[in-house]
N, C-alpha and C. Protein backbone atom coordinates (compact mmCIF):
# COMPACT_ATOMS: atom_id res chain seq x y z
N MET A 1 17.26 -24.05 -54.46
CA MET A 1 17.21 -24.60 -53.11
C MET A 1 16.03 -23.99 -52.38
N ALA A 2 15.20 -24.84 -51.86
CA ALA A 2 13.99 -24.37 -51.20
C ALA A 2 14.32 -23.83 -49.83
N HIS A 3 13.76 -22.72 -49.51
CA HIS A 3 13.95 -22.12 -48.19
C HIS A 3 12.82 -22.58 -47.26
N PRO A 4 13.15 -22.90 -46.03
CA PRO A 4 12.09 -23.30 -45.11
C PRO A 4 11.13 -22.15 -44.87
N SER A 5 9.87 -22.49 -44.76
CA SER A 5 8.86 -21.45 -44.53
C SER A 5 9.07 -20.81 -43.17
N ARG A 6 8.85 -19.52 -43.10
CA ARG A 6 9.03 -18.77 -41.85
C ARG A 6 7.87 -19.03 -40.91
N LEU A 7 8.21 -19.34 -39.67
CA LEU A 7 7.16 -19.62 -38.70
C LEU A 7 6.44 -18.33 -38.33
N PRO A 8 5.15 -18.41 -38.14
CA PRO A 8 4.41 -17.19 -37.77
C PRO A 8 4.83 -16.70 -36.39
N ASP A 9 4.78 -15.40 -36.23
CA ASP A 9 5.11 -14.82 -34.93
C ASP A 9 4.10 -15.28 -33.88
N PRO A 10 4.57 -15.51 -32.65
CA PRO A 10 3.63 -15.90 -31.60
C PRO A 10 2.67 -14.76 -31.31
N PRO A 11 1.44 -15.07 -30.92
CA PRO A 11 0.47 -14.01 -30.65
C PRO A 11 0.92 -13.13 -29.48
N THR A 12 0.65 -11.86 -29.57
CA THR A 12 0.99 -10.92 -28.51
C THR A 12 0.04 -11.10 -27.34
N PRO A 13 0.56 -11.32 -26.14
CA PRO A 13 -0.35 -11.51 -25.01
C PRO A 13 -1.10 -10.23 -24.69
N PRO A 14 -2.32 -10.33 -24.16
CA PRO A 14 -3.08 -9.12 -23.81
C PRO A 14 -2.34 -8.29 -22.76
N MET A 15 -2.48 -6.99 -22.84
CA MET A 15 -1.84 -6.08 -21.90
C MET A 15 -2.83 -5.70 -20.81
N TRP A 16 -2.56 -6.17 -19.59
CA TRP A 16 -3.37 -5.81 -18.44
C TRP A 16 -2.68 -4.69 -17.67
N ALA A 17 -3.45 -3.81 -17.09
CA ALA A 17 -2.90 -2.68 -16.35
C ALA A 17 -2.78 -3.03 -14.88
N ALA A 18 -1.84 -2.37 -14.21
CA ALA A 18 -1.63 -2.58 -12.77
C ALA A 18 -1.18 -1.27 -12.16
N PRO A 19 -1.49 -1.04 -10.88
CA PRO A 19 -0.99 0.17 -10.21
C PRO A 19 0.53 0.15 -10.15
N ALA A 20 1.13 1.33 -10.18
CA ALA A 20 2.58 1.40 -10.08
C ALA A 20 3.05 0.90 -8.72
N GLU A 21 2.22 1.08 -7.68
CA GLU A 21 2.50 0.54 -6.35
C GLU A 21 1.48 -0.56 -6.08
N TYR A 22 1.95 -1.81 -5.99
CA TYR A 22 1.02 -2.93 -5.89
C TYR A 22 0.23 -2.94 -4.59
N GLY A 23 0.71 -2.25 -3.56
CA GLY A 23 -0.04 -2.18 -2.31
C GLY A 23 -1.05 -1.06 -2.26
N GLN A 24 -1.15 -0.27 -3.34
CA GLN A 24 -2.04 0.88 -3.33
C GLN A 24 -3.51 0.50 -3.16
N PRO A 25 -4.03 -0.55 -3.81
CA PRO A 25 -5.44 -0.90 -3.59
C PRO A 25 -5.75 -1.22 -2.12
N ALA A 26 -4.88 -1.99 -1.45
CA ALA A 26 -5.12 -2.31 -0.05
C ALA A 26 -5.06 -1.07 0.83
N ALA A 27 -4.10 -0.19 0.54
CA ALA A 27 -3.99 1.05 1.32
C ALA A 27 -5.22 1.93 1.10
N THR A 28 -5.71 1.99 -0.13
CA THR A 28 -6.90 2.79 -0.42
C THR A 28 -8.12 2.24 0.28
N ASP A 29 -8.27 0.90 0.30
CA ASP A 29 -9.40 0.29 1.00
C ASP A 29 -9.34 0.60 2.49
N ALA A 30 -8.15 0.57 3.08
CA ALA A 30 -8.01 0.88 4.51
C ALA A 30 -8.39 2.32 4.78
N LYS A 31 -8.02 3.22 3.88
CA LYS A 31 -8.34 4.64 4.06
C LYS A 31 -9.82 4.90 3.92
N ASN A 32 -10.43 4.39 2.83
CA ASN A 32 -11.83 4.69 2.54
C ASN A 32 -12.79 3.85 3.37
N GLY A 33 -12.38 2.64 3.76
CA GLY A 33 -13.30 1.76 4.47
C GLY A 33 -13.12 1.74 5.97
N VAL A 34 -12.00 2.24 6.47
CA VAL A 34 -11.73 2.19 7.92
C VAL A 34 -11.44 3.58 8.47
N ALA A 35 -10.37 4.21 8.00
CA ALA A 35 -9.92 5.47 8.59
C ALA A 35 -10.94 6.59 8.41
N ALA A 36 -11.41 6.80 7.19
CA ALA A 36 -12.34 7.92 6.94
C ALA A 36 -13.65 7.77 7.71
N PRO A 37 -14.30 6.59 7.71
CA PRO A 37 -15.53 6.47 8.51
C PRO A 37 -15.31 6.68 10.01
N LEU A 38 -14.21 6.16 10.56
CA LEU A 38 -13.95 6.35 11.98
C LEU A 38 -13.73 7.83 12.31
N LEU A 39 -12.94 8.51 11.50
CA LEU A 39 -12.68 9.92 11.76
C LEU A 39 -13.94 10.78 11.55
N ALA A 40 -14.77 10.39 10.60
CA ALA A 40 -16.03 11.12 10.40
C ALA A 40 -16.94 10.93 11.62
N GLY A 41 -17.01 9.70 12.14
CA GLY A 41 -17.82 9.46 13.34
C GLY A 41 -17.31 10.24 14.54
N PHE A 42 -15.98 10.28 14.71
CA PHE A 42 -15.40 11.06 15.79
C PHE A 42 -15.74 12.54 15.65
N SER A 43 -15.69 13.05 14.43
CA SER A 43 -15.99 14.47 14.19
C SER A 43 -17.45 14.78 14.51
N ILE A 44 -18.36 13.88 14.15
CA ILE A 44 -19.77 14.09 14.46
C ILE A 44 -19.99 14.10 15.97
N ALA A 45 -19.33 13.17 16.69
CA ALA A 45 -19.47 13.14 18.15
C ALA A 45 -18.93 14.42 18.79
N LEU A 46 -17.79 14.90 18.29
CA LEU A 46 -17.22 16.14 18.82
C LEU A 46 -18.12 17.33 18.51
N LEU A 47 -18.71 17.35 17.32
CA LEU A 47 -19.62 18.42 16.96
C LEU A 47 -20.81 18.45 17.91
N ALA A 48 -21.35 17.28 18.24
CA ALA A 48 -22.48 17.22 19.17
C ALA A 48 -22.08 17.72 20.55
N SER A 49 -20.87 17.38 20.99
CA SER A 49 -20.41 17.83 22.30
C SER A 49 -20.28 19.35 22.35
N VAL A 50 -19.75 19.93 21.30
CA VAL A 50 -19.62 21.39 21.28
C VAL A 50 -20.99 22.06 21.26
N GLY A 51 -21.93 21.49 20.52
CA GLY A 51 -23.26 22.06 20.47
C GLY A 51 -23.99 22.00 21.80
N GLN A 52 -23.71 20.97 22.60
CA GLN A 52 -24.39 20.81 23.89
C GLN A 52 -23.75 21.65 24.99
N ALA A 53 -22.48 21.98 24.87
CA ALA A 53 -21.80 22.75 25.92
C ALA A 53 -20.96 23.86 25.29
N PRO A 54 -21.57 24.81 24.65
CA PRO A 54 -20.79 25.85 23.96
C PRO A 54 -19.96 26.72 24.90
N SER A 55 -20.39 26.84 26.16
CA SER A 55 -19.65 27.70 27.09
C SER A 55 -18.29 27.15 27.46
N SER A 56 -18.04 25.87 27.14
CA SER A 56 -16.74 25.26 27.44
C SER A 56 -15.70 25.53 26.37
N PHE A 57 -16.07 26.25 25.32
CA PHE A 57 -15.16 26.49 24.21
C PHE A 57 -15.09 27.99 23.93
N ARG A 58 -13.95 28.42 23.49
CA ARG A 58 -13.76 29.86 23.24
C ARG A 58 -14.49 30.31 21.98
N TRP A 59 -14.44 29.49 20.93
CA TRP A 59 -15.09 29.83 19.66
C TRP A 59 -15.99 28.68 19.21
N PRO A 60 -17.10 28.44 19.93
CA PRO A 60 -17.95 27.28 19.59
C PRO A 60 -18.51 27.34 18.17
N GLY A 61 -18.89 28.54 17.72
CA GLY A 61 -19.44 28.64 16.38
C GLY A 61 -18.43 28.27 15.31
N ALA A 62 -17.19 28.74 15.46
CA ALA A 62 -16.14 28.41 14.50
C ALA A 62 -15.84 26.91 14.51
N VAL A 63 -15.83 26.33 15.71
CA VAL A 63 -15.55 24.89 15.81
C VAL A 63 -16.64 24.10 15.10
N ILE A 64 -17.90 24.47 15.31
CA ILE A 64 -19.01 23.75 14.68
C ILE A 64 -18.92 23.87 13.16
N LEU A 65 -18.62 25.05 12.66
CA LEU A 65 -18.50 25.24 11.21
C LEU A 65 -17.38 24.38 10.63
N VAL A 66 -16.23 24.41 11.27
CA VAL A 66 -15.09 23.64 10.75
C VAL A 66 -15.40 22.14 10.81
N LEU A 67 -16.04 21.69 11.89
CA LEU A 67 -16.37 20.26 12.01
C LEU A 67 -17.39 19.84 10.96
N LEU A 68 -18.33 20.71 10.62
CA LEU A 68 -19.26 20.39 9.54
C LEU A 68 -18.52 20.20 8.22
N LEU A 69 -17.55 21.06 7.95
CA LEU A 69 -16.75 20.91 6.74
C LEU A 69 -15.93 19.62 6.79
N VAL A 70 -15.43 19.27 7.96
CA VAL A 70 -14.67 18.03 8.11
C VAL A 70 -15.54 16.83 7.76
N VAL A 71 -16.73 16.77 8.34
CA VAL A 71 -17.63 15.64 8.08
C VAL A 71 -18.00 15.58 6.61
N ALA A 72 -18.30 16.74 6.01
CA ALA A 72 -18.65 16.76 4.59
C ALA A 72 -17.51 16.24 3.73
N ALA A 73 -16.27 16.63 4.04
CA ALA A 73 -15.13 16.18 3.25
C ALA A 73 -14.89 14.68 3.42
N PHE A 74 -15.04 14.18 4.65
CA PHE A 74 -14.87 12.75 4.86
C PHE A 74 -15.95 11.94 4.14
N VAL A 75 -17.19 12.41 4.21
CA VAL A 75 -18.29 11.70 3.53
C VAL A 75 -18.06 11.71 2.02
N LEU A 76 -17.61 12.84 1.48
CA LEU A 76 -17.32 12.90 0.04
C LEU A 76 -16.22 11.91 -0.32
N SER A 77 -15.18 11.83 0.51
CA SER A 77 -14.10 10.88 0.25
C SER A 77 -14.61 9.45 0.26
N ILE A 78 -15.47 9.12 1.23
CA ILE A 78 -16.00 7.76 1.33
C ILE A 78 -16.88 7.43 0.13
N GLN A 79 -17.76 8.34 -0.24
CA GLN A 79 -18.67 8.09 -1.36
C GLN A 79 -17.90 7.91 -2.67
N LEU A 80 -16.95 8.81 -2.94
CA LEU A 80 -16.17 8.67 -4.17
C LEU A 80 -15.37 7.38 -4.16
N GLY A 81 -14.83 7.02 -3.00
CA GLY A 81 -14.04 5.79 -2.91
C GLY A 81 -14.88 4.55 -3.19
N PHE A 82 -16.09 4.50 -2.61
CA PHE A 82 -16.95 3.33 -2.82
C PHE A 82 -17.44 3.25 -4.26
N ARG A 83 -17.80 4.40 -4.83
CA ARG A 83 -18.32 4.40 -6.20
C ARG A 83 -17.25 3.98 -7.22
N SER A 84 -16.00 4.34 -6.96
CA SER A 84 -14.94 4.00 -7.91
C SER A 84 -14.33 2.62 -7.65
N ARG A 85 -14.62 2.04 -6.49
CA ARG A 85 -13.97 0.76 -6.14
C ARG A 85 -14.33 -0.36 -7.10
N ALA A 86 -15.52 -0.31 -7.69
CA ALA A 86 -15.94 -1.37 -8.62
C ALA A 86 -15.09 -1.40 -9.88
N ARG A 87 -14.35 -0.33 -10.17
CA ARG A 87 -13.52 -0.28 -11.37
C ARG A 87 -12.07 -0.67 -11.09
N LEU A 88 -11.80 -1.16 -9.89
CA LEU A 88 -10.45 -1.61 -9.55
C LEU A 88 -10.46 -3.12 -9.38
N TYR A 89 -9.85 -3.82 -10.32
CA TYR A 89 -9.80 -5.28 -10.26
C TYR A 89 -8.60 -5.76 -11.07
N SER A 90 -8.21 -7.00 -10.82
CA SER A 90 -7.03 -7.57 -11.46
C SER A 90 -7.43 -8.49 -12.61
N ARG A 91 -6.43 -9.04 -13.27
CA ARG A 91 -6.69 -10.00 -14.35
C ARG A 91 -7.42 -11.21 -13.81
N ALA A 92 -7.01 -11.70 -12.63
CA ALA A 92 -7.68 -12.87 -12.05
C ALA A 92 -9.15 -12.59 -11.77
N ASP A 93 -9.45 -11.37 -11.29
CA ASP A 93 -10.84 -11.02 -11.03
C ASP A 93 -11.65 -11.01 -12.32
N ALA A 94 -11.06 -10.45 -13.38
CA ALA A 94 -11.79 -10.35 -14.64
C ALA A 94 -12.05 -11.71 -15.27
N LEU A 95 -11.10 -12.62 -15.11
CA LEU A 95 -11.25 -13.95 -15.72
C LEU A 95 -12.02 -14.91 -14.84
N ALA A 96 -12.23 -14.55 -13.57
CA ALA A 96 -12.90 -15.48 -12.64
C ALA A 96 -14.36 -15.71 -13.00
N TRP A 97 -14.95 -14.80 -13.79
CA TRP A 97 -16.35 -14.96 -14.17
C TRP A 97 -16.54 -16.05 -15.22
N GLY A 98 -15.46 -16.51 -15.84
CA GLY A 98 -15.58 -17.54 -16.85
C GLY A 98 -16.11 -17.00 -18.17
N PRO A 99 -16.43 -17.87 -19.12
CA PRO A 99 -16.91 -17.42 -20.43
C PRO A 99 -18.21 -16.62 -20.31
N VAL A 100 -18.25 -15.48 -20.98
CA VAL A 100 -19.46 -14.66 -21.00
C VAL A 100 -19.91 -14.38 -22.43
N ASN A 101 -19.22 -14.98 -23.41
CA ASN A 101 -19.59 -14.80 -24.81
C ASN A 101 -19.07 -16.01 -25.59
N ASP A 102 -19.29 -15.98 -26.89
CA ASP A 102 -18.89 -17.09 -27.76
C ASP A 102 -17.57 -16.82 -28.47
N LEU A 103 -16.83 -15.82 -28.09
CA LEU A 103 -15.58 -15.49 -28.74
C LEU A 103 -14.48 -16.48 -28.34
N PRO A 104 -13.44 -16.64 -29.17
CA PRO A 104 -12.29 -17.45 -28.76
C PRO A 104 -11.66 -16.89 -27.48
N ALA A 105 -11.03 -17.75 -26.71
CA ALA A 105 -10.49 -17.35 -25.42
C ALA A 105 -9.51 -16.20 -25.53
N GLU A 106 -8.62 -16.23 -26.56
CA GLU A 106 -7.63 -15.17 -26.71
C GLU A 106 -8.30 -13.82 -27.00
N GLN A 107 -9.31 -13.83 -27.87
CA GLN A 107 -9.99 -12.58 -28.22
C GLN A 107 -10.80 -12.06 -27.04
N ASP A 108 -11.42 -12.98 -26.31
CA ASP A 108 -12.20 -12.58 -25.14
C ASP A 108 -11.29 -11.93 -24.09
N GLU A 109 -10.10 -12.51 -23.85
CA GLU A 109 -9.20 -11.94 -22.86
C GLU A 109 -8.69 -10.58 -23.31
N GLU A 110 -8.45 -10.40 -24.59
CA GLU A 110 -8.00 -9.10 -25.09
C GLU A 110 -9.06 -8.03 -24.84
N ILE A 111 -10.33 -8.37 -25.05
CA ILE A 111 -11.41 -7.41 -24.81
C ILE A 111 -11.49 -7.08 -23.33
N ARG A 112 -11.39 -8.10 -22.47
CA ARG A 112 -11.45 -7.84 -21.03
C ARG A 112 -10.26 -7.00 -20.58
N ALA A 113 -9.09 -7.25 -21.14
CA ALA A 113 -7.92 -6.46 -20.77
C ALA A 113 -8.08 -5.01 -21.18
N ARG A 114 -8.66 -4.77 -22.36
CA ARG A 114 -8.87 -3.40 -22.80
C ARG A 114 -9.85 -2.67 -21.88
N ILE A 115 -10.90 -3.36 -21.48
CA ILE A 115 -11.87 -2.76 -20.55
C ILE A 115 -11.22 -2.51 -19.20
N GLN A 116 -10.41 -3.47 -18.75
CA GLN A 116 -9.75 -3.31 -17.44
C GLN A 116 -8.80 -2.12 -17.43
N ARG A 117 -8.09 -1.90 -18.53
CA ARG A 117 -7.19 -0.75 -18.61
C ARG A 117 -7.97 0.56 -18.51
N ALA A 118 -9.10 0.63 -19.21
CA ALA A 118 -9.93 1.83 -19.15
C ALA A 118 -10.50 2.04 -17.76
N HIS A 119 -10.93 0.96 -17.11
CA HIS A 119 -11.49 1.07 -15.77
C HIS A 119 -10.43 1.50 -14.76
N LEU A 120 -9.21 0.98 -14.89
CA LEU A 120 -8.16 1.36 -13.95
C LEU A 120 -7.80 2.83 -14.11
N ALA A 121 -7.75 3.30 -15.34
CA ALA A 121 -7.48 4.72 -15.57
C ALA A 121 -8.58 5.59 -14.95
N SER A 122 -9.84 5.14 -15.06
CA SER A 122 -10.95 5.87 -14.44
C SER A 122 -10.83 5.85 -12.93
N TRP A 123 -10.40 4.71 -12.37
CA TRP A 123 -10.22 4.62 -10.91
C TRP A 123 -9.14 5.57 -10.43
N PHE A 124 -8.05 5.68 -11.18
CA PHE A 124 -6.98 6.60 -10.80
C PHE A 124 -7.47 8.05 -10.80
N ARG A 125 -8.27 8.40 -11.79
CA ARG A 125 -8.80 9.77 -11.83
C ARG A 125 -9.70 10.03 -10.62
N ALA A 126 -10.53 9.06 -10.26
CA ALA A 126 -11.40 9.22 -9.10
C ALA A 126 -10.60 9.32 -7.81
N GLN A 127 -9.51 8.56 -7.74
CA GLN A 127 -8.70 8.58 -6.52
C GLN A 127 -8.05 9.92 -6.27
N ARG A 128 -7.80 10.70 -7.30
CA ARG A 128 -7.27 12.04 -7.08
C ARG A 128 -8.25 12.87 -6.28
N TRP A 129 -9.55 12.79 -6.60
CA TRP A 129 -10.56 13.53 -5.85
C TRP A 129 -10.75 12.93 -4.47
N VAL A 130 -10.67 11.61 -4.37
CA VAL A 130 -10.76 10.96 -3.05
C VAL A 130 -9.65 11.46 -2.14
N GLN A 131 -8.43 11.50 -2.67
CA GLN A 131 -7.29 11.93 -1.87
C GLN A 131 -7.40 13.40 -1.49
N LEU A 132 -7.85 14.23 -2.42
CA LEU A 132 -8.00 15.65 -2.11
C LEU A 132 -9.04 15.87 -1.02
N ALA A 133 -10.17 15.15 -1.11
CA ALA A 133 -11.21 15.29 -0.08
C ALA A 133 -10.70 14.80 1.27
N TYR A 134 -9.98 13.67 1.27
CA TYR A 134 -9.47 13.12 2.53
C TYR A 134 -8.43 14.05 3.14
N ASN A 135 -7.51 14.54 2.34
CA ASN A 135 -6.48 15.45 2.86
C ASN A 135 -7.09 16.74 3.39
N THR A 136 -8.11 17.25 2.70
CA THR A 136 -8.80 18.46 3.17
C THR A 136 -9.44 18.21 4.53
N ALA A 137 -10.07 17.05 4.66
CA ALA A 137 -10.71 16.71 5.94
C ALA A 137 -9.68 16.59 7.06
N ILE A 138 -8.53 15.99 6.77
CA ILE A 138 -7.50 15.84 7.79
C ILE A 138 -6.99 17.21 8.25
N GLY A 139 -6.71 18.09 7.31
CA GLY A 139 -6.24 19.42 7.67
C GLY A 139 -7.27 20.20 8.48
N LEU A 140 -8.55 20.13 8.07
CA LEU A 140 -9.60 20.84 8.80
C LEU A 140 -9.83 20.23 10.18
N LEU A 141 -9.69 18.91 10.29
CA LEU A 141 -9.84 18.28 11.60
C LEU A 141 -8.77 18.76 12.57
N GLY A 142 -7.55 18.89 12.08
CA GLY A 142 -6.49 19.44 12.93
C GLY A 142 -6.81 20.86 13.37
N LEU A 143 -7.38 21.66 12.47
CA LEU A 143 -7.76 23.03 12.82
C LEU A 143 -8.87 23.03 13.86
N ALA A 144 -9.86 22.14 13.70
CA ALA A 144 -10.96 22.07 14.66
C ALA A 144 -10.47 21.68 16.05
N LEU A 145 -9.59 20.70 16.14
CA LEU A 145 -9.06 20.30 17.43
C LEU A 145 -8.24 21.42 18.06
N THR A 146 -7.55 22.18 17.24
CA THR A 146 -6.79 23.32 17.76
C THR A 146 -7.72 24.37 18.34
N LEU A 147 -8.82 24.66 17.66
CA LEU A 147 -9.78 25.62 18.16
C LEU A 147 -10.44 25.14 19.46
N VAL A 148 -10.67 23.84 19.54
CA VAL A 148 -11.25 23.26 20.76
C VAL A 148 -10.33 23.46 21.96
N ALA A 149 -9.02 23.41 21.72
CA ALA A 149 -8.05 23.51 22.83
C ALA A 149 -8.00 24.90 23.44
N ALA A 150 -8.39 25.93 22.71
CA ALA A 150 -8.31 27.30 23.24
C ALA A 150 -9.23 27.44 24.45
N PRO A 151 -8.78 28.12 25.52
CA PRO A 151 -9.61 28.24 26.73
C PRO A 151 -10.77 29.20 26.50
N PRO A 152 -11.92 28.92 27.11
CA PRO A 152 -13.04 29.86 27.01
C PRO A 152 -12.79 31.11 27.85
N THR A 153 -13.55 32.14 27.59
CA THR A 153 -13.40 33.35 28.41
C THR A 153 -13.87 33.10 29.83
N SER A 154 -14.86 32.22 30.00
CA SER A 154 -15.34 31.82 31.32
C SER A 154 -16.12 30.53 31.16
N TYR A 155 -16.23 29.79 32.25
CA TYR A 155 -17.02 28.57 32.23
C TYR A 155 -18.48 28.89 32.51
N GLY A 156 -19.33 27.86 32.43
CA GLY A 156 -20.74 28.05 32.71
C GLY A 156 -20.96 28.66 34.09
N GLY A 157 -21.92 29.57 34.19
CA GLY A 157 -22.18 30.23 35.45
C GLY A 157 -21.31 31.44 35.69
N GLY A 158 -20.49 31.79 34.72
CA GLY A 158 -19.62 32.95 34.85
C GLY A 158 -18.35 32.72 35.62
N ALA A 159 -18.03 31.44 35.95
CA ALA A 159 -16.79 31.14 36.69
C ALA A 159 -15.59 31.44 35.80
N ALA A 160 -14.63 32.15 36.37
CA ALA A 160 -13.44 32.50 35.61
C ALA A 160 -12.54 31.29 35.40
N VAL A 161 -11.82 31.29 34.30
CA VAL A 161 -10.87 30.22 34.02
C VAL A 161 -9.58 30.50 34.80
N ALA A 162 -9.14 29.50 35.56
CA ALA A 162 -7.93 29.67 36.36
C ALA A 162 -6.74 29.95 35.45
N GLY A 163 -5.77 30.72 35.99
CA GLY A 163 -4.61 31.09 35.19
C GLY A 163 -3.82 29.91 34.70
N SER A 164 -3.61 28.90 35.56
CA SER A 164 -2.86 27.72 35.15
C SER A 164 -3.61 26.92 34.10
N GLU A 165 -4.94 26.84 34.25
CA GLU A 165 -5.76 26.12 33.28
C GLU A 165 -5.69 26.81 31.92
N ALA A 166 -5.80 28.13 31.92
CA ALA A 166 -5.71 28.87 30.67
C ALA A 166 -4.35 28.69 30.02
N ALA A 167 -3.29 28.69 30.84
CA ALA A 167 -1.95 28.52 30.29
C ALA A 167 -1.80 27.16 29.62
N TRP A 168 -2.29 26.10 30.29
CA TRP A 168 -2.20 24.77 29.70
C TRP A 168 -2.97 24.69 28.39
N ARG A 169 -4.14 25.29 28.35
CA ARG A 169 -4.95 25.20 27.14
C ARG A 169 -4.38 26.05 26.02
N TRP A 170 -3.79 27.21 26.35
CA TRP A 170 -3.13 27.97 25.30
C TRP A 170 -1.88 27.25 24.78
N THR A 171 -1.21 26.53 25.67
CA THR A 171 -0.08 25.71 25.22
C THR A 171 -0.55 24.63 24.26
N ALA A 172 -1.67 23.97 24.63
CA ALA A 172 -2.24 22.96 23.73
C ALA A 172 -2.66 23.57 22.41
N PHE A 173 -3.18 24.81 22.46
CA PHE A 173 -3.56 25.51 21.23
C PHE A 173 -2.34 25.72 20.33
N GLY A 174 -1.23 26.15 20.93
CA GLY A 174 -0.01 26.35 20.14
C GLY A 174 0.52 25.06 19.56
N VAL A 175 0.49 23.99 20.37
CA VAL A 175 0.95 22.69 19.87
C VAL A 175 0.05 22.23 18.72
N GLY A 176 -1.27 22.45 18.85
CA GLY A 176 -2.19 22.08 17.78
C GLY A 176 -1.91 22.83 16.49
N LEU A 177 -1.63 24.13 16.61
CA LEU A 177 -1.28 24.89 15.42
C LEU A 177 -0.02 24.34 14.75
N LEU A 178 0.97 24.02 15.58
CA LEU A 178 2.23 23.50 15.04
C LEU A 178 2.01 22.17 14.33
N LEU A 179 1.31 21.24 14.98
CA LEU A 179 1.10 19.92 14.39
C LEU A 179 0.22 20.00 13.14
N THR A 180 -0.78 20.87 13.18
CA THR A 180 -1.63 21.04 11.99
C THR A 180 -0.83 21.61 10.84
N GLY A 181 0.03 22.58 11.14
CA GLY A 181 0.88 23.14 10.10
C GLY A 181 1.81 22.10 9.50
N LEU A 182 2.38 21.23 10.36
CA LEU A 182 3.25 20.17 9.85
C LEU A 182 2.48 19.21 8.97
N GLU A 183 1.27 18.85 9.39
CA GLU A 183 0.46 17.94 8.59
C GLU A 183 0.09 18.54 7.24
N VAL A 184 -0.32 19.80 7.24
CA VAL A 184 -0.65 20.47 5.99
C VAL A 184 0.58 20.59 5.09
N GLY A 185 1.73 20.88 5.71
CA GLY A 185 2.96 20.95 4.93
C GLY A 185 3.32 19.62 4.30
N TRP A 186 3.11 18.53 5.03
CA TRP A 186 3.37 17.19 4.51
C TRP A 186 2.46 16.90 3.33
N ILE A 187 1.18 17.25 3.47
CA ILE A 187 0.22 17.03 2.39
C ILE A 187 0.61 17.82 1.15
N LEU A 188 0.96 19.09 1.34
CA LEU A 188 1.33 19.93 0.20
C LEU A 188 2.62 19.43 -0.46
N ARG A 189 3.55 18.92 0.34
CA ARG A 189 4.77 18.37 -0.24
C ARG A 189 4.46 17.16 -1.12
N ASP A 190 3.59 16.27 -0.63
CA ASP A 190 3.22 15.10 -1.43
C ASP A 190 2.52 15.51 -2.72
N GLU A 191 1.65 16.52 -2.62
CA GLU A 191 0.96 16.99 -3.82
C GLU A 191 1.96 17.58 -4.83
N TYR A 192 2.92 18.33 -4.32
CA TYR A 192 3.93 18.90 -5.21
C TYR A 192 4.75 17.81 -5.88
N ARG A 193 5.15 16.80 -5.12
CA ARG A 193 5.94 15.71 -5.69
C ARG A 193 5.13 14.93 -6.70
N ARG A 194 3.83 14.76 -6.46
CA ARG A 194 2.99 14.03 -7.40
C ARG A 194 2.85 14.81 -8.71
N LEU A 195 2.62 16.11 -8.60
CA LEU A 195 2.52 16.92 -9.81
C LEU A 195 3.83 16.95 -10.58
N ARG A 196 4.93 17.02 -9.86
CA ARG A 196 6.23 17.02 -10.52
C ARG A 196 6.50 15.69 -11.21
N ALA A 197 6.10 14.58 -10.58
CA ALA A 197 6.31 13.27 -11.19
C ALA A 197 5.47 13.11 -12.46
N ARG A 198 4.25 13.68 -12.46
CA ARG A 198 3.40 13.57 -13.64
C ARG A 198 3.96 14.36 -14.81
N ARG A 199 4.69 15.44 -14.53
CA ARG A 199 5.27 16.25 -15.60
C ARG A 199 6.58 15.69 -16.10
N THR A 200 7.17 14.75 -15.36
CA THR A 200 8.46 14.16 -15.74
C THR A 200 8.21 12.79 -16.33
N PRO A 201 8.62 12.52 -17.60
CA PRO A 201 8.37 11.21 -18.20
C PRO A 201 8.95 10.06 -17.41
N THR A 202 10.09 10.27 -16.75
CA THR A 202 10.72 9.18 -16.00
C THR A 202 10.23 9.10 -14.58
N GLY A 203 9.27 9.94 -14.20
CA GLY A 203 8.80 9.96 -12.82
C GLY A 203 7.46 9.31 -12.64
N ALA A 204 7.19 8.27 -13.43
CA ALA A 204 5.88 7.62 -13.37
C ALA A 204 5.69 6.76 -12.15
N SER A 205 6.70 6.61 -11.29
CA SER A 205 6.55 5.75 -10.12
C SER A 205 5.59 6.31 -9.11
N GLY A 206 5.13 7.56 -9.28
CA GLY A 206 4.18 8.15 -8.35
C GLY A 206 2.84 7.49 -8.40
N GLY A 207 2.51 6.81 -9.49
CA GLY A 207 1.40 5.92 -9.40
C GLY A 207 0.27 6.01 -10.36
N GLU A 208 0.41 6.34 -11.61
CA GLU A 208 -0.71 6.25 -12.53
C GLU A 208 -1.00 4.82 -12.95
N GLY A 209 -0.02 3.95 -12.86
CA GLY A 209 -0.26 2.57 -13.25
C GLY A 209 0.59 2.18 -14.44
N SER A 210 0.72 0.87 -14.65
CA SER A 210 1.54 0.38 -15.74
C SER A 210 0.86 -0.82 -16.38
N ALA A 211 1.19 -1.08 -17.62
CA ALA A 211 0.63 -2.22 -18.33
C ALA A 211 1.52 -3.43 -18.13
N THR A 212 0.87 -4.59 -18.01
CA THR A 212 1.61 -5.83 -17.81
C THR A 212 1.13 -6.89 -18.79
């Protein structure tokens, strides 16, 4: 009795990679293209103000130094973000260019998917440095604003700072320290959770990406 021939297995579809959080690309674009440039511009303007009126600040030199570090960290975040953005794209983006070789469509898509997976992994590695630079800038900006709030020993011309004015500014200094500490604590908590998720096989939801 003749046995029917076994049908060949269907071809395996190409595996395309995707971020674990599908909104991550849009959030990253908002951070690198909007938030970081605006905050860097604000920091440069504040630095210029401190340089023009140092007598209005208790520690003008320290403020200028911290603001320079803030601007440098924001610029580094922006540059790394822009340079790595070209390696973040979807299946639709990769296929939108149409045929670019003489290979069969299935083989061509498999090659593009393999390249896309490598590019997405490279983008994730770059984003770690982008996030570190951005978080560093945010923490330093909070420190700079706190230093700005401290009352000077005297105003221009040797005029003494009124007691009530000094009290308000020292209160603002304390509030700035508290808020900066909370922000730094939040950043460190997220970093700890990310490192813990990377060490746990079931904790991949933190965002290295997945194949689809």
